[in-house]
Protein backbone atom coordinates (compact mmCIF):
# COMPACT_ATOMS: atom_id res chain seq x y z
CA UNK A 1 26.23 153.95 32.99
CA UNK A 2 25.61 157.23 34.81
CA UNK A 3 22.09 158.08 35.92
CA UNK A 4 20.38 161.10 34.35
CA UNK A 5 17.75 163.00 36.30
CA UNK A 6 15.36 165.76 35.28
CA UNK A 7 14.68 168.55 37.77
CA UNK A 8 11.64 170.80 37.60
CA UNK A 9 11.71 173.82 39.92
CA UNK A 10 8.68 176.11 39.96
CA UNK A 11 8.35 179.37 41.89
CA UNK A 12 5.10 181.34 41.98
CA UNK A 13 4.10 184.72 43.40
CA UNK A 14 0.34 185.40 43.51
CA UNK A 15 -0.76 189.02 44.02
CA UNK A 16 -4.17 190.11 45.30
CA UNK A 17 -4.56 192.48 42.34
CA UNK A 18 -2.81 193.27 39.04
CA UNK A 19 0.39 195.17 39.84
CA UNK A 20 3.40 196.62 38.05
CA UNK A 21 6.64 194.74 38.66
CA UNK A 22 10.06 196.33 38.67
CA UNK A 23 13.06 194.60 37.05
CA UNK A 24 13.83 191.20 38.56
CA UNK A 25 17.15 189.36 38.77
CA UNK A 26 16.96 185.55 38.51
CA UNK A 27 19.97 183.56 39.70
CA UNK A 28 18.82 180.12 38.63
CA UNK A 29 21.29 178.96 35.97
CA UNK A 30 24.06 176.43 36.74
CA UNK A 31 27.43 178.08 37.32
CA UNK A 32 30.28 177.70 34.83
CA UNK A 33 32.37 175.71 37.31
CA UNK A 34 29.63 173.11 37.96
CA UNK A 35 31.35 169.71 37.74
CA UNK A 36 28.17 167.69 37.22
CA UNK A 37 27.38 167.59 33.47
CA UNK A 38 24.27 169.62 32.54
CA UNK A 39 22.60 167.96 29.56
CA UNK A 40 19.83 170.53 29.05
CA UNK A 41 18.48 173.68 30.68
CA UNK A 42 15.48 175.94 30.17
CA UNK A 43 13.96 178.94 31.92
CA UNK A 44 10.32 179.95 31.36
CA UNK A 45 8.67 183.02 32.84
CA UNK A 46 5.08 184.18 33.15
CA UNK A 47 3.70 186.71 32.35
CA UNK A 48 4.83 186.33 28.76
CA UNK A 49 4.97 190.12 28.30
CA UNK A 50 8.58 190.62 29.35
CA UNK A 51 12.12 191.18 28.11
CA UNK A 52 15.01 189.06 29.33
CA UNK A 53 18.75 189.75 29.15
CA UNK A 54 21.40 187.29 30.27
CA UNK A 55 24.32 188.87 32.09
CA UNK A 56 27.27 187.98 34.28
CA UNK A 57 27.60 189.60 37.68
CA UNK A 58 30.97 190.96 38.94
CA UNK A 59 31.91 187.46 40.14
CA UNK A 60 31.20 185.68 36.84
CA UNK A 61 27.81 184.20 37.79
CA UNK A 62 25.09 183.91 35.16
CA UNK A 63 21.97 185.95 35.91
CA UNK A 64 18.84 186.86 33.98
CA UNK A 65 17.53 190.42 34.20
CA UNK A 66 13.81 190.46 33.44
CA UNK A 67 11.75 193.57 32.66
CA UNK A 68 7.94 193.27 32.69
CA UNK A 69 5.90 195.49 30.37
CA UNK A 70 2.35 194.87 31.65
CA UNK A 71 0.64 194.60 35.01
CA UNK A 72 0.16 191.08 36.29
CA UNK A 73 -1.44 189.14 39.10
CA UNK A 74 0.96 186.19 38.75
CA UNK A 75 4.72 185.78 38.45
CA UNK A 76 5.76 182.20 37.71
CA UNK A 77 9.30 180.99 37.11
CA UNK A 78 9.91 177.46 35.79
CA UNK A 79 13.39 175.96 35.64
CA UNK A 80 13.95 172.60 33.95
CA UNK A 81 17.30 170.89 33.69
CA UNK A 82 18.65 167.42 33.04
CA UNK A 83 21.89 166.46 34.78
CA UNK A 84 24.13 163.42 34.45
CA UNK A 85 24.90 162.06 37.89
CA UNK A 86 28.46 160.90 37.25
CA UNK A 87 30.39 159.90 40.36
CA UNK A 88 32.64 162.76 41.51
CA UNK A 89 35.35 162.22 44.08
CA UNK A 90 35.16 165.39 46.22
CA UNK A 91 38.82 164.93 47.22
CA UNK A 92 40.11 164.68 43.65
CA UNK A 93 42.35 167.74 43.76
CA UNK A 94 45.90 168.77 44.63
CA UNK A 95 46.95 171.44 47.08
CA UNK A 96 50.09 173.51 46.60
CA UNK A 97 52.95 172.70 48.99
CA UNK A 98 52.59 176.17 50.52
CA UNK A 99 49.03 175.34 51.63
CA UNK A 100 49.39 171.65 52.40
CA UNK A 101 49.27 172.38 56.11
CA UNK A 102 47.08 174.81 58.02
CA UNK A 103 47.60 177.52 59.13
CA UNK A 104 49.00 178.99 55.94
CA UNK A 105 48.98 182.40 54.27
CA UNK A 106 47.97 183.28 50.72
CA UNK A 107 50.62 184.77 48.44
CA UNK A 108 50.29 188.58 48.30
CA UNK A 109 48.86 188.80 44.75
CA UNK A 110 46.37 186.00 45.39
CA UNK A 111 45.34 187.54 48.69
CA UNK A 112 44.54 190.79 46.85
CA UNK A 113 42.32 188.87 44.38
CA UNK A 114 40.58 187.06 47.24
CA UNK A 115 39.98 190.21 49.32
CA UNK A 116 36.13 190.13 49.13
CA UNK A 117 36.18 186.52 50.37
CA UNK A 118 38.39 187.32 53.35
CA UNK A 119 36.29 190.16 54.75
CA UNK A 120 35.09 189.28 58.26
CA UNK A 121 32.19 190.48 60.31
CA UNK A 122 33.05 191.39 63.89
CA UNK A 123 32.95 188.25 66.02
CA UNK A 124 30.40 188.37 68.82
CA UNK A 125 30.84 186.54 72.15
CA UNK A 126 29.46 183.18 70.94
CA UNK A 127 31.55 183.15 67.76
CA UNK A 128 34.64 184.27 69.69
CA UNK A 129 34.26 181.32 72.08
CA UNK A 130 33.73 178.90 69.17
CA UNK A 131 36.84 180.18 67.36
CA UNK A 132 38.94 180.04 70.53
CA UNK A 133 38.24 176.30 70.75
CA UNK A 134 39.73 175.62 67.30
CA UNK A 135 43.22 174.08 67.78
CA UNK A 136 45.97 176.16 66.18
CA UNK A 137 48.53 173.36 65.86
CA UNK A 138 49.93 172.57 62.42
CA UNK A 139 47.69 170.06 60.65
CA UNK A 140 47.07 168.76 57.15
CA UNK A 141 44.74 171.30 55.52
CA UNK A 142 42.18 168.74 54.26
CA UNK A 143 42.06 167.02 57.65
CA UNK A 144 41.57 170.42 59.25
CA UNK A 145 38.62 171.24 56.98
CA UNK A 146 37.01 167.85 57.58
CA UNK A 147 37.22 168.31 61.35
CA UNK A 148 36.03 171.92 61.21
CA UNK A 149 32.99 171.05 59.10
CA UNK A 150 32.22 168.00 61.23
CA UNK A 151 32.31 170.03 64.44
CA UNK A 152 29.87 172.59 63.07
CA UNK A 153 27.40 169.87 62.07
CA UNK A 154 27.47 168.56 65.64
CA UNK A 155 26.92 172.04 67.10
CA UNK A 156 24.17 173.30 64.76
CA UNK A 157 20.92 171.39 64.29
CA UNK A 158 19.49 171.74 60.78
CA UNK A 159 15.93 172.99 60.42
CA UNK A 160 13.70 174.36 57.68
CA UNK A 161 13.24 178.08 58.26
CA UNK A 162 10.82 179.87 55.93
CA UNK A 163 11.58 183.38 57.13
CA UNK A 164 13.56 185.43 54.58
CA UNK A 165 17.19 186.39 55.04
CA UNK A 166 20.09 184.86 56.91
CA UNK A 167 20.45 184.67 60.67
CA UNK A 168 23.26 186.52 62.40
CA UNK A 169 26.04 184.12 63.39
CA UNK A 170 25.42 184.90 67.05
CA UNK A 171 21.78 183.85 66.74
CA UNK A 172 22.66 180.58 65.01
CA UNK A 173 25.23 179.69 67.67
CA UNK A 174 23.05 180.79 70.59
CA UNK A 175 20.07 178.77 69.36
CA UNK A 176 22.21 175.87 68.15
CA UNK A 177 20.06 175.60 65.03
CA UNK A 178 19.52 177.14 61.62
CA UNK A 179 18.65 176.57 58.00
CA UNK A 180 21.24 175.54 55.43
CA UNK A 181 21.85 179.19 54.54
CA UNK A 182 22.36 180.07 58.23
CA UNK A 183 24.91 177.29 58.77
CA UNK A 184 26.61 178.19 55.50
CA UNK A 185 27.01 181.85 56.43
CA UNK A 186 28.32 180.84 59.85
CA UNK A 187 30.93 178.55 58.28
CA UNK A 188 31.91 181.30 55.81
CA UNK A 189 32.61 183.63 58.73
CA UNK A 190 34.44 180.95 60.73
CA UNK A 191 36.76 180.24 57.80
CA UNK A 192 37.48 183.90 57.18
CA UNK A 193 38.33 184.50 60.83
CA UNK A 194 40.75 181.57 60.52
CA UNK A 195 42.42 183.13 57.48
CA UNK A 196 40.71 181.10 54.76
CA UNK A 197 38.96 182.70 51.77
CA UNK A 198 35.36 181.47 51.62
CA UNK A 199 32.25 182.25 49.60
CA UNK A 200 28.51 181.57 49.91
CA UNK A 201 27.03 179.17 47.35
CA UNK A 202 23.37 178.89 46.39
CA UNK A 203 22.35 175.90 44.27
CA UNK A 204 20.39 172.70 43.90
CA UNK A 205 20.97 169.63 46.04
CA UNK A 206 20.18 166.26 44.47
CA UNK A 207 19.99 163.12 46.62
CA UNK A 208 19.16 159.76 45.04
CA UNK A 209 18.07 156.57 46.74
CA UNK A 210 21.12 154.26 46.85
CA UNK A 211 20.91 150.97 44.96
CA UNK A 212 22.34 149.20 48.01
CA UNK A 213 21.86 150.31 51.60
CA UNK A 214 25.20 151.16 53.22
CA UNK A 215 26.49 148.81 55.91
CA UNK A 216 27.71 151.75 58.00
CA UNK A 217 26.77 155.41 58.20
CA UNK A 218 23.47 157.14 57.41
CA UNK A 219 21.03 155.14 55.24
CA UNK A 220 20.46 157.99 52.79
CA UNK A 221 17.13 159.30 51.44
CA UNK A 222 14.10 157.03 51.18
CA UNK A 223 13.16 158.59 47.84
CA UNK A 224 14.88 160.73 45.20
CA UNK A 225 15.01 164.32 46.39
CA UNK A 226 15.95 167.80 45.17
CA UNK A 227 15.64 171.31 46.59
CA UNK A 228 17.40 174.64 46.73
CA UNK A 229 20.36 174.46 49.07
CA UNK A 230 23.35 176.46 50.30
CA UNK A 231 26.94 175.47 51.03
CA UNK A 232 30.44 176.92 51.29
CA UNK A 233 33.37 177.02 48.90
CA UNK A 234 36.85 177.62 50.31
CA UNK A 235 39.82 178.63 48.16
CA UNK A 236 42.85 176.35 48.38
CA UNK A 237 45.95 177.21 46.31
CA UNK A 238 46.42 174.50 43.69
CA UNK A 239 42.89 173.14 44.10
CA UNK A 240 40.84 176.32 43.55
CA UNK A 241 37.36 176.53 45.05
CA UNK A 242 36.42 173.44 47.08
CA UNK A 243 32.86 172.90 48.31
CA UNK A 244 31.87 171.94 51.87
CA UNK A 245 28.30 171.28 53.00
CA UNK A 246 27.78 172.69 56.50
CA UNK A 247 24.47 170.82 56.82
CA UNK A 248 25.76 167.30 56.17
CA UNK A 249 29.39 167.76 57.17
CA UNK A 250 30.50 166.39 53.81
CA UNK A 251 32.47 167.84 50.91
CA UNK A 252 30.38 168.79 47.85
CA UNK A 253 29.97 166.08 45.20
CA UNK A 254 27.92 165.33 42.12
CA UNK A 255 24.66 166.13 43.91
CA UNK A 256 25.64 169.76 44.49
CA UNK A 257 24.71 171.94 41.48
CA UNK A 258 26.02 175.48 42.11
CA UNK A 259 23.98 178.37 40.74
CA UNK A 260 25.49 181.47 42.34
CA UNK A 261 28.69 182.07 44.33
CA UNK A 262 29.20 185.41 46.08
CA UNK A 263 31.07 186.96 49.03
CA UNK A 264 27.81 187.45 50.97
CA UNK A 265 24.50 185.63 51.24
CA UNK A 266 22.25 188.54 50.23
CA UNK A 267 23.55 188.79 46.67
CA UNK A 268 23.06 185.03 46.10
CA UNK A 269 19.25 185.08 46.52
CA UNK A 270 17.65 182.98 43.73
CA UNK A 271 15.10 185.72 42.90
CA UNK A 272 15.16 189.42 43.73
CA UNK A 273 13.05 192.32 42.49
CA UNK A 274 10.40 194.84 43.40
CA UNK A 275 6.75 195.56 42.79
CA UNK A 276 3.83 197.68 43.92
CA UNK A 277 2.75 197.12 47.55
CA UNK A 278 0.14 194.37 47.76
CA UNK A 279 -0.73 191.14 49.52
CA UNK A 280 1.47 188.35 48.13
CA UNK A 281 1.26 184.58 48.39
CA UNK A 282 4.39 182.54 47.68
CA UNK A 283 4.51 178.96 46.42
CA UNK A 284 7.31 176.72 45.24
CA UNK A 285 7.51 173.15 43.98
CA UNK A 286 10.38 170.82 43.11
CA UNK A 287 10.20 167.54 41.21
CA UNK A 288 12.93 165.07 40.29
CA UNK A 289 12.56 162.25 37.74
CA UNK A 290 15.04 159.68 36.47
CA UNK A 291 15.29 159.70 32.68
CA UNK A 292 17.11 157.51 30.13
CA UNK A 293 20.61 158.87 29.53
CA UNK A 294 20.36 158.41 25.75
CA UNK A 295 17.33 160.67 25.54
CA UNK A 296 19.38 163.76 26.41
CA UNK A 297 22.95 162.83 25.54
CA UNK A 298 23.01 164.83 22.32
CA UNK A 299 20.96 167.84 23.43
CA UNK A 300 22.89 171.04 24.25
CA UNK A 301 21.93 173.45 26.99
CA UNK A 302 19.52 176.15 25.84
CA UNK A 303 17.66 179.10 27.31
CA UNK A 304 14.01 179.65 26.51
CA UNK A 305 11.54 182.28 27.59
């Protein structure tokens, strides 16, 4: 029987005085292409004096536009969802014969549709050197992606970086370190320079303690864990969008819950909005709990305010 887990994600902004808030966009609802079953979902916002409208952005992502009608000294966003952790084989897909080996080219009509995901930033000296070291010999496309992702993990040390925004690729390569969003944006640019359509994914990462410790490889987490995370999706003809985690070097599986997928990192921010100038304190908290599968099997997803 699959394991069900409940995730509670709380974000708080404390202001030093009551202020007026402009409209906010919340990108905190599981994407339509999420392969892990979502048993239930809710979104709660404080202050209660607000209007919320669910929309889809130009790329089909779900987003909530929130308008606040009164001044407030606190903005709190609570997301609760229950997911069924079925085992997902990340390699369970087929690739068209035309893309079975890299390098390959997208068919003209498909390339037009993928144009935003093929747009490259100019490669600086560090990125140019990194790209020059990628072998150009014909190779199975999946093997190529595995090696490419694995090399990046070896070159970039993962760290927790609380500063807002995404590092420039040159900074990440020069320092040899970055947050998950920094490594993700670097891998997006690497893939695009190599002719592969890639997009930035913001979502939740779930890691559960294994029932049995593996004989080989990393031991896994010491306790159940969840947090916001970022990874890459690359478009392969026949397979569609395939996820790769630039932090772990692995392909995305059941523990990757996509929320927002966009051509650039800026438009995938979980929360964006404006308010009057003031001193602001930011807090966030994540909690994961295992729950009986039967308790949520019959409950549909719902949105609450």
